[in-house]
Amino acid sequence: MEPASWSYSMGEQARFEELEPGSMGFSLCGVPVVYRMADSAAVKLKLNDGEEVAMDGAGLDTEWSQSLFRREGRIEKIVVDVANRR
């Protein structure tokens, strides 16, 4: 499998991202989300101030979920590692 180029819009600004084989991208509440296969489940948030927040498991906590659904603009991107159960 080959990497795929994903194009999405953040307001009027178009952005592009290379998706690795075995991954997929979509947007949720205006935030790009990348799902990818990994050895263990984890979530990484890239924030608009440049900070990164890493969480174990496959979900957002209440604070980050509320920020996402309220469209506060704090989260620039979400990367979700899904445990590969082969």
PDB file of N, CA and C in Angstrom:
ATOM      1  N   MET A   1       0.833  -1.183   0.000  1.00  0.00           N
ATOM      2  CA  MET A   1       0.000   0.000   0.000  1.00  0.00           C
ATOM      3  C   MET A   1       0.878   1.246   0.000  1.00  0.00           C
ATOM      4  N   GLU A   2       0.367   2.269  -0.596  1.00  0.00           N
ATOM      5  CA  GLU A   2       1.095   3.531  -0.730  1.00  0.00           C
ATOM      6  C   GLU A   2       0.465   4.586   0.179  1.00  0.00           C
ATOM      7  N   PRO A   3       1.251   5.566   0.627  1.00  0.00           N
ATOM      8  CA  PRO A   3       0.651   6.691   1.355  1.00  0.00           C
ATOM      9  C   PRO A   3      -0.344   7.432   0.463  1.00  0.00           C
ATOM     10  N   ALA A   4      -1.304   8.059   1.074  1.00  0.00           N
ATOM     11  CA  ALA A   4      -2.305   8.825   0.330  1.00  0.00           C
ATOM     12  C   ALA A   4      -2.277  10.264   0.807  1.00  0.00           C
ATOM     13  N   SER A   5      -2.518  11.183  -0.107  1.00  0.00           N
ATOM     14  CA  SER A   5      -2.583  12.593   0.246  1.00  0.00           C
ATOM     15  C   SER A   5      -4.027  12.946   0.583  1.00  0.00           C
ATOM     16  N   TRP A   6      -4.218  13.572   1.726  1.00  0.00           N
ATOM     17  CA  TRP A   6      -5.551  13.963   2.193  1.00  0.00           C
ATOM     18  C   TRP A   6      -5.612  15.483   2.206  1.00  0.00           C
ATOM     19  N   SER A   7      -6.609  16.021   1.579  1.00  0.00           N
ATOM     20  CA  SER A   7      -6.807  17.468   1.541  1.00  0.00           C
ATOM     21  C   SER A   7      -8.069  17.809   2.323  1.00  0.00           C
ATOM     22  N   TYR A   8      -7.961  18.794   3.187  1.00  0.00           N
ATOM     23  CA  TYR A   8      -9.107  19.230   3.979  1.00  0.00           C
ATOM     24  C   TYR A   8      -9.034  20.737   4.155  1.00  0.00           C
ATOM     25  N   SER A   9     -10.132  21.325   4.557  1.00  0.00           N
ATOM     26  CA  SER A   9     -10.206  22.780   4.678  1.00  0.00           C
ATOM     27  C   SER A   9     -10.352  23.194   6.129  1.00  0.00           C
ATOM     28  N   MET A  10      -9.597  24.201   6.508  1.00  0.00           N
ATOM     29  CA  MET A  10      -9.722  24.817   7.830  1.00  0.00           C
ATOM     30  C   MET A  10     -10.148  26.262   7.573  1.00  0.00           C
ATOM     31  N   GLY A  11     -11.461  26.474   7.536  1.00  0.00           N
ATOM     32  CA  GLY A  11     -11.965  27.780   7.129  1.00  0.00           C
ATOM     33  C   GLY A  11     -11.733  27.926   5.644  1.00  0.00           C
ATOM     34  N   GLU A  12     -11.085  28.990   5.264  1.00  0.00           N
ATOM     35  CA  GLU A  12     -10.790  29.201   3.845  1.00  0.00           C
ATOM     36  C   GLU A  12      -9.429  28.646   3.453  1.00  0.00           C
ATOM     37  N   GLN A  13      -8.668  28.172   4.430  1.00  0.00           N
ATOM     38  CA  GLN A  13      -7.316  27.681   4.159  1.00  0.00           C
ATOM     39  C   GLN A  13      -7.330  26.173   3.906  1.00  0.00           C
ATOM     40  N   ALA A  14      -6.843  25.770   2.732  1.00  0.00           N
ATOM     41  CA  ALA A  14      -6.727  24.350   2.405  1.00  0.00           C
ATOM     42  C   ALA A  14      -5.448  23.800   3.020  1.00  0.00           C
ATOM     43  N   ARG A  15      -5.531  22.589   3.560  1.00  0.00           N
ATOM     44  CA  ARG A  15      -4.368  21.918   4.133  1.00  0.00           C
ATOM     45  C   ARG A  15      -4.252  20.528   3.539  1.00  0.00           C
ATOM     46  N   PHE A  16      -3.035  20.004   3.568  1.00  0.00           N
ATOM     47  CA  PHE A  16      -2.763  18.685   3.016  1.00  0.00           C
ATOM     48  C   PHE A  16      -1.980  17.878   4.031  1.00  0.00           C
ATOM     49  N   GLU A  17      -2.233  16.593   4.038  1.00  0.00           N
ATOM     50  CA  GLU A  17      -1.513  15.698   4.944  1.00  0.00           C
ATOM     51  C   GLU A  17      -1.320  14.354   4.252  1.00  0.00           C
ATOM     52  N   GLU A  18      -0.149  13.783   4.431  1.00  0.00           N
ATOM     53  CA  GLU A  18       0.119  12.448   3.917  1.00  0.00           C
ATOM     54  C   GLU A  18      -0.361  11.440   4.951  1.00  0.00           C
ATOM     55  N   LEU A  19      -1.218  10.521   4.516  1.00  0.00           N
ATOM     56  CA  LEU A  19      -1.719   9.474   5.393  1.00  0.00           C
ATOM     57  C   LEU A  19      -0.962   8.188   5.115  1.00  0.00           C
ATOM     58  N   GLU A  20      -0.442   7.580   6.167  1.00  0.00           N
ATOM     59  CA  GLU A  20       0.288   6.324   6.042  1.00  0.00           C
ATOM     60  C   GLU A  20      -0.675   5.203   5.645  1.00  0.00           C
ATOM     61  N   PRO A  21      -0.169   4.154   5.001  1.00  0.00           N
ATOM     62  CA  PRO A  21      -1.028   2.999   4.744  1.00  0.00           C
ATOM     63  C   PRO A  21      -1.609   2.484   6.065  1.00  0.00           C
ATOM     64  N   GLY A  22      -2.862   2.099   6.059  1.00  0.00           N
ATOM     65  CA  GLY A  22      -3.513   1.615   7.272  1.00  0.00           C
ATOM     66  C   GLY A  22      -4.072   2.720   8.141  1.00  0.00           C
ATOM     67  N   SER A  23      -4.113   3.936   7.624  1.00  0.00           N
ATOM     68  CA  SER A  23      -4.673   5.051   8.389  1.00  0.00           C
ATOM     69  C   SER A  23      -5.780   5.713   7.582  1.00  0.00           C
ATOM     70  N   MET A  24      -6.565   6.537   8.254  1.00  0.00           N
ATOM     71  CA  MET A  24      -7.604   7.284   7.561  1.00  0.00           C
ATOM     72  C   MET A  24      -7.777   8.629   8.238  1.00  0.00           C
ATOM     73  N   GLY A  25      -8.281   9.592   7.479  1.00  0.00           N
ATOM     74  CA  GLY A  25      -8.483  10.930   8.008  1.00  0.00           C
ATOM     75  C   GLY A  25      -9.894  11.414   7.755  1.00  0.00           C
ATOM     76  N   PHE A  26     -10.401  12.200   8.694  1.00  0.00           N
ATOM     77  CA  PHE A  26     -11.707  12.835   8.558  1.00  0.00           C
ATOM     78  C   PHE A  26     -11.715  14.040   9.479  1.00  0.00           C
ATOM     79  N   SER A  27     -12.739  14.851   9.405  1.00  0.00           N
ATOM     80  CA  SER A  27     -12.826  15.986  10.324  1.00  0.00           C
ATOM     81  C   SER A  27     -14.042  15.817  11.219  1.00  0.00           C
ATOM     82  N   LEU A  28     -13.922  16.327  12.440  1.00  0.00           N
ATOM     83  CA  LEU A  28     -14.982  16.282  13.431  1.00  0.00           C
ATOM     84  C   LEU A  28     -15.056  17.652  14.084  1.00  0.00           C
ATOM     85  N   CYS A  29     -16.177  18.300  13.950  1.00  0.00           N
ATOM     86  CA  CYS A  29     -16.360  19.650  14.507  1.00  0.00           C
ATOM     87  C   CYS A  29     -15.287  20.608  14.012  1.00  0.00           C
ATOM     88  N   GLY A  30     -14.893  20.456  12.760  1.00  0.00           N
ATOM     89  CA  GLY A  30     -13.907  21.349  12.168  1.00  0.00           C
ATOM     90  C   GLY A  30     -12.465  21.021  12.511  1.00  0.00           C
ATOM     91  N   VAL A  31     -12.215  19.882  13.171  1.00  0.00           N
ATOM     92  CA  VAL A  31     -10.861  19.487  13.557  1.00  0.00           C
ATOM     93  C   VAL A  31     -10.482  18.221  12.786  1.00  0.00           C
ATOM     94  N   PRO A  32      -9.317  18.213  12.109  1.00  0.00           N
ATOM     95  CA  PRO A  32      -8.894  17.000  11.426  1.00  0.00           C
ATOM     96  C   PRO A  32      -8.539  15.905  12.432  1.00  0.00           C
ATOM     97  N   VAL A  33      -8.964  14.685  12.112  1.00  0.00           N
ATOM     98  CA  VAL A  33      -8.703  13.518  12.952  1.00  0.00           C
ATOM     99  C   VAL A  33      -8.039  12.467  12.070  1.00  0.00           C
ATOM    100  N   VAL A  34      -6.924  11.910  12.541  1.00  0.00           N
ATOM    101  CA  VAL A  34      -6.234  10.843  11.826  1.00  0.00           C
ATOM    102  C   VAL A  34      -6.273   9.593  12.701  1.00  0.00           C
ATOM    103  N   TYR A  35      -6.862   8.523  12.169  1.00  0.00           N
ATOM    104  CA  TYR A  35      -6.856   7.214  12.819  1.00  0.00           C
ATOM    105  C   TYR A  35      -5.757   6.399  12.164  1.00  0.00           C
ATOM    106  N   ARG A  36      -4.974   5.700  12.993  1.00  0.00           N
ATOM    107  CA  ARG A  36      -3.934   4.845  12.430  1.00  0.00           C
ATOM    108  C   ARG A  36      -3.759   3.604  13.305  1.00  0.00           C
ATOM    109  N   MET A  37      -3.349   2.525  12.689  1.00  0.00           N
ATOM    110  CA  MET A  37      -3.113   1.271  13.395  1.00  0.00           C
ATOM    111  C   MET A  37      -1.793   1.370  14.159  1.00  0.00           C
ATOM    112  N   ALA A  38      -1.771   0.820  15.393  1.00  0.00           N
ATOM    113  CA  ALA A  38      -0.574   0.893  16.230  1.00  0.00           C
ATOM    114  C   ALA A  38      -0.553  -0.312  17.170  1.00  0.00           C
ATOM    115  N   ASP A  39       0.524  -0.440  17.926  1.00  0.00           N
ATOM    116  CA  ASP A  39       0.638  -1.538  18.885  1.00  0.00           C
ATOM    117  C   ASP A  39      -0.259  -1.338  20.098  1.00  0.00           C
ATOM    118  N   SER A  40      -0.520  -0.095  20.463  1.00  0.00           N
ATOM    119  CA  SER A  40      -1.385   0.175  21.614  1.00  0.00           C
ATOM    120  C   SER A  40      -2.237   1.413  21.333  1.00  0.00           C
ATOM    121  N   ALA A  41      -3.344   1.498  22.048  1.00  0.00           N
ATOM    122  CA  ALA A  41      -4.271   2.618  21.863  1.00  0.00           C
ATOM    123  C   ALA A  41      -3.746   3.874  22.561  1.00  0.00           C
ATOM    124  N   ALA A  42      -3.870   5.002  21.886  1.00  0.00           N
ATOM    125  CA  ALA A  42      -3.466   6.287  22.453  1.00  0.00           C
ATOM    126  C   ALA A  42      -4.104   7.410  21.638  1.00  0.00           C
ATOM    127  N   VAL A  43      -4.201   8.569  22.257  1.00  0.00           N
ATOM    128  CA  VAL A  43      -4.720   9.758  21.583  1.00  0.00           C
ATOM    129  C   VAL A  43      -3.724  10.880  21.800  1.00  0.00           C
ATOM    130  N   LYS A  44      -3.398  11.595  20.710  1.00  0.00           N
ATOM    131  CA  LYS A  44      -2.509  12.760  20.823  1.00  0.00           C
ATOM    132  C   LYS A  44      -3.234  13.968  20.248  1.00  0.00           C
ATOM    133  N   LEU A  45      -3.270  15.036  21.014  1.00  0.00           N
ATOM    134  CA  LEU A  45      -3.859  16.292  20.562  1.00  0.00           C
ATOM    135  C   LEU A  45      -2.738  17.262  20.229  1.00  0.00           C
ATOM    136  N   LYS A  46      -2.815  17.881  19.057  1.00  0.00           N
ATOM    137  CA  LYS A  46      -1.939  19.001  18.723  1.00  0.00           C
ATOM    138  C   LYS A  46      -2.780  20.250  18.949  1.00  0.00           C
ATOM    139  N   LEU A  47      -2.342  21.088  19.853  1.00  0.00           N
ATOM    140  CA  LEU A  47      -3.101  22.290  20.183  1.00  0.00           C
ATOM    141  C   LEU A  47      -2.650  23.466  19.339  1.00  0.00           C
ATOM    142  N   ASN A  48      -3.496  24.455  19.227  1.00  0.00           N
ATOM    143  CA  ASN A  48      -3.193  25.635  18.413  1.00  0.00           C
ATOM    144  C   ASN A  48      -2.040  26.463  18.952  1.00  0.00           C
ATOM    145  N   ASP A  49      -1.686  26.296  20.228  1.00  0.00           N
ATOM    146  CA  ASP A  49      -0.555  27.038  20.794  1.00  0.00           C
ATOM    147  C   ASP A  49       0.765  26.296  20.627  1.00  0.00           C
ATOM    148  N   GLY A  50       0.739  25.144  19.902  1.00  0.00           N
ATOM    149  CA  GLY A  50       1.951  24.371  19.661  1.00  0.00           C
ATOM    150  C   GLY A  50       2.169  23.240  20.647  1.00  0.00           C
ATOM    151  N   GLU A  51       1.439  23.228  21.738  1.00  0.00           N
ATOM    152  CA  GLU A  51       1.574  22.172  22.741  1.00  0.00           C
ATOM    153  C   GLU A  51       0.971  20.874  22.216  1.00  0.00           C
ATOM    154  N   GLU A  52       1.490  19.751  22.725  1.00  0.00           N
ATOM    155  CA  GLU A  52       0.917  18.443  22.424  1.00  0.00           C
ATOM    156  C   GLU A  52       0.489  17.790  23.726  1.00  0.00           C
ATOM    157  N   VAL A  53      -0.684  17.170  23.715  1.00  0.00           N
ATOM    158  CA  VAL A  53      -1.218  16.472  24.881  1.00  0.00           C
ATOM    159  C   VAL A  53      -1.398  15.019  24.486  1.00  0.00           C
ATOM    160  N   ALA A  54      -0.774  14.107  25.240  1.00  0.00           N
ATOM    161  CA  ALA A  54      -0.877  12.675  24.962  1.00  0.00           C
ATOM    162  C   ALA A  54      -1.722  12.008  26.041  1.00  0.00           C
ATOM    163  N   MET A  55      -2.591  11.082  25.608  1.00  0.00           N
ATOM    164  CA  MET A  55      -3.450  10.347  26.524  1.00  0.00           C
ATOM    165  C   MET A  55      -3.389   8.869  26.184  1.00  0.00           C
ATOM    166  N   ASP A  56      -3.380   8.027  27.209  1.00  0.00           N
ATOM    167  CA  ASP A  56      -3.481   6.591  26.992  1.00  0.00           C
ATOM    168  C   ASP A  56      -4.935   6.245  26.719  1.00  0.00           C
ATOM    169  N   GLY A  57      -5.157   5.160  26.023  1.00  0.00           N
ATOM    170  CA  GLY A  57      -6.516   4.743  25.716  1.00  0.00           C
ATOM    171  C   GLY A  57      -6.986   5.353  24.412  1.00  0.00           C
ATOM    172  N   ALA A  58      -8.256   5.099  24.099  1.00  0.00           N
ATOM    173  CA  ALA A  58      -8.773   5.492  22.785  1.00  0.00           C
ATOM    174  C   ALA A  58      -9.843   6.567  22.864  1.00  0.00           C
ATOM    175  N   GLY A  59      -9.855   7.372  23.911  1.00  0.00           N
ATOM    176  CA  GLY A  59     -10.895   8.385  24.007  1.00  0.00           C
ATOM    177  C   GLY A  59     -10.391   9.691  24.590  1.00  0.00           C
ATOM    178  N   LEU A  60     -11.181  10.725  24.377  1.00  0.00           N
ATOM    179  CA  LEU A  60     -10.892  12.041  24.962  1.00  0.00           C
ATOM    180  C   LEU A  60     -11.542  12.122  26.332  1.00  0.00           C
ATOM    181  N   ASP A  61     -10.907  12.857  27.225  1.00  0.00           N
ATOM    182  CA  ASP A  61     -11.550  13.080  28.519  1.00  0.00           C
ATOM    183  C   ASP A  61     -12.639  14.143  28.356  1.00  0.00           C
ATOM    184  N   THR A  62     -13.387  14.384  29.416  1.00  0.00           N
ATOM    185  CA  THR A  62     -14.531  15.295  29.363  1.00  0.00           C
ATOM    186  C   THR A  62     -14.127  16.706  28.960  1.00  0.00           C
ATOM    187  N   GLU A  63     -13.031  17.208  29.514  1.00  0.00           N
ATOM    188  CA  GLU A  63     -12.588  18.579  29.208  1.00  0.00           C
ATOM    189  C   GLU A  63     -12.328  18.762  27.717  1.00  0.00           C
ATOM    190  N   TRP A  64     -11.563  17.840  27.114  1.00  0.00           N
ATOM    191  CA  TRP A  64     -11.218  17.971  25.705  1.00  0.00           C
ATOM    192  C   TRP A  64     -12.417  17.687  24.813  1.00  0.00           C
ATOM    193  N   SER A  65     -13.276  16.760  25.213  1.00  0.00           N
ATOM    194  CA  SER A  65     -14.498  16.496  24.441  1.00  0.00           C
ATOM    195  C   SER A  65     -15.372  17.739  24.379  1.00  0.00           C
ATOM    196  N   GLN A  66     -15.555  18.386  25.524  1.00  0.00           N
ATOM    197  CA  GLN A  66     -16.374  19.596  25.556  1.00  0.00           C
ATOM    198  C   GLN A  66     -15.757  20.700  24.712  1.00  0.00           C
ATOM    199  N   SER A  67     -14.443  20.853  24.778  1.00  0.00           N
ATOM    200  CA  SER A  67     -13.766  21.873  23.982  1.00  0.00           C
ATOM    201  C   SER A  67     -13.980  21.608  22.488  1.00  0.00           C
ATOM    202  N   LEU A  68     -13.882  20.341  22.088  1.00  0.00           N
ATOM    203  CA  LEU A  68     -14.087  19.969  20.694  1.00  0.00           C
ATOM    204  C   LEU A  68     -15.517  20.267  20.249  1.00  0.00           C
ATOM    205  N   PHE A  69     -16.498  19.799  21.013  1.00  0.00           N
ATOM    206  CA  PHE A  69     -17.898  19.963  20.620  1.00  0.00           C
ATOM    207  C   PHE A  69     -18.365  21.415  20.698  1.00  0.00           C
ATOM    208  N   ARG A  70     -17.743  22.200  21.551  1.00  0.00           N
ATOM    209  CA  ARG A  70     -18.071  23.634  21.623  1.00  0.00           C
ATOM    210  C   ARG A  70     -17.342  24.435  20.546  1.00  0.00           C
ATOM    211  N   ARG A  71     -16.471  23.762  19.806  1.00  0.00           N
ATOM    212  CA  ARG A  71     -15.691  24.406  18.739  1.00  0.00           C
ATOM    213  C   ARG A  71     -14.903  25.609  19.265  1.00  0.00           C
ATOM    214  N   GLU A  72     -14.242  25.402  20.384  1.00  0.00           N
ATOM    215  CA  GLU A  72     -13.473  26.476  21.014  1.00  0.00           C
ATOM    216  C   GLU A  72     -12.214  26.852  20.239  1.00  0.00           C
ATOM    217  N   GLY A  73     -11.758  25.990  19.338  1.00  0.00           N
ATOM    218  CA  GLY A  73     -10.577  26.307  18.540  1.00  0.00           C
ATOM    219  C   GLY A  73      -9.260  26.014  19.227  1.00  0.00           C
ATOM    220  N   ARG A  74      -9.279  25.300  20.346  1.00  0.00           N
ATOM    221  CA  ARG A  74      -8.041  24.976  21.059  1.00  0.00           C
ATOM    222  C   ARG A  74      -7.286  23.824  20.407  1.00  0.00           C
ATOM    223  N   ILE A  75      -8.022  22.911  19.773  1.00  0.00           N
ATOM    224  CA  ILE A  75      -7.420  21.707  19.200  1.00  0.00           C
ATOM    225  C   ILE A  75      -7.192  21.915  17.705  1.00  0.00           C
ATOM    226  N   GLU A  76      -5.945  21.737  17.284  1.00  0.00           N
ATOM    227  CA  GLU A  76      -5.607  21.870  15.865  1.00  0.00           C
ATOM    228  C   GLU A  76      -5.771  20.543  15.128  1.00  0.00           C
ATOM    229  N   LYS A  77      -5.441  19.434  15.807  1.00  0.00           N
ATOM    230  CA  LYS A  77      -5.486  18.123  15.162  1.00  0.00           C
ATOM    231  C   LYS A  77      -5.538  17.044  16.241  1.00  0.00           C
ATOM    232  N   ILE A  78      -6.221  15.931  15.916  1.00  0.00           N
ATOM    233  CA  ILE A  78      -6.287  14.774  16.806  1.00  0.00           C
ATOM    234  C   ILE A  78      -5.725  13.570  16.061  1.00  0.00           C
ATOM    235  N   VAL A  79      -4.800  12.854  16.703  1.00  0.00           N
ATOM    236  CA  VAL A  79      -4.263  11.615  16.146  1.00  0.00           C
ATOM    237  C   VAL A  79      -4.655  10.484  17.095  1.00  0.00           C
ATOM    238  N   VAL A  80      -5.365   9.496  16.562  1.00  0.00           N
ATOM    239  CA  VAL A  80      -5.844   8.373  17.369  1.00  0.00           C
ATOM    240  C   VAL A  80      -5.128   7.114  16.908  1.00  0.00           C
ATOM    241  N   ASP A  81      -4.402   6.494  17.817  1.00  0.00           N
ATOM    242  CA  ASP A  81      -3.778   5.204  17.542  1.00  0.00           C
ATOM    243  C   ASP A  81      -4.737   4.113  18.012  1.00  0.00           C
ATOM    244  N   VAL A  82      -5.107   3.219  17.094  1.00  0.00           N
ATOM    245  CA  VAL A  82      -6.005   2.121  17.388  1.00  0.00           C
ATOM    246  C   VAL A  82      -5.164   0.852  17.511  1.00  0.00           C
ATOM    247  N   ALA A  83      -5.367   0.115  18.616  1.00  0.00           N
ATOM    248  CA  ALA A  83      -4.573  -1.100  18.846  1.00  0.00           C
ATOM    249  C   ALA A  83      -4.857  -2.138  17.771  1.00  0.00           C
ATOM    250  N   ASN A  84      -3.808  -2.601  17.136  1.00  0.00           N
ATOM    251  CA  ASN A  84      -3.903  -3.633  16.109  1.00  0.00           C
ATOM    252  C   ASN A  84      -3.988  -4.980  16.818  1.00  0.00           C
ATOM    253  N   ARG A  85      -5.088  -5.657  16.702  1.00  0.00           N
ATOM    254  CA  ARG A  85      -5.325  -6.900  17.450  1.00  0.00           C
ATOM    255  C   ARG A  85      -5.084  -8.151  16.607  1.00  0.00           C
ATOM    256  N   ARG A  86      -4.061  -8.171  15.835  1.00  0.00           N
ATOM    257  CA  ARG A  86      -3.739  -9.341  15.005  1.00  0.00           C
ATOM    258  C   ARG A  86      -3.107 -10.414  15.812  1.00  0.00           C
TER     259      ARG A  86
END
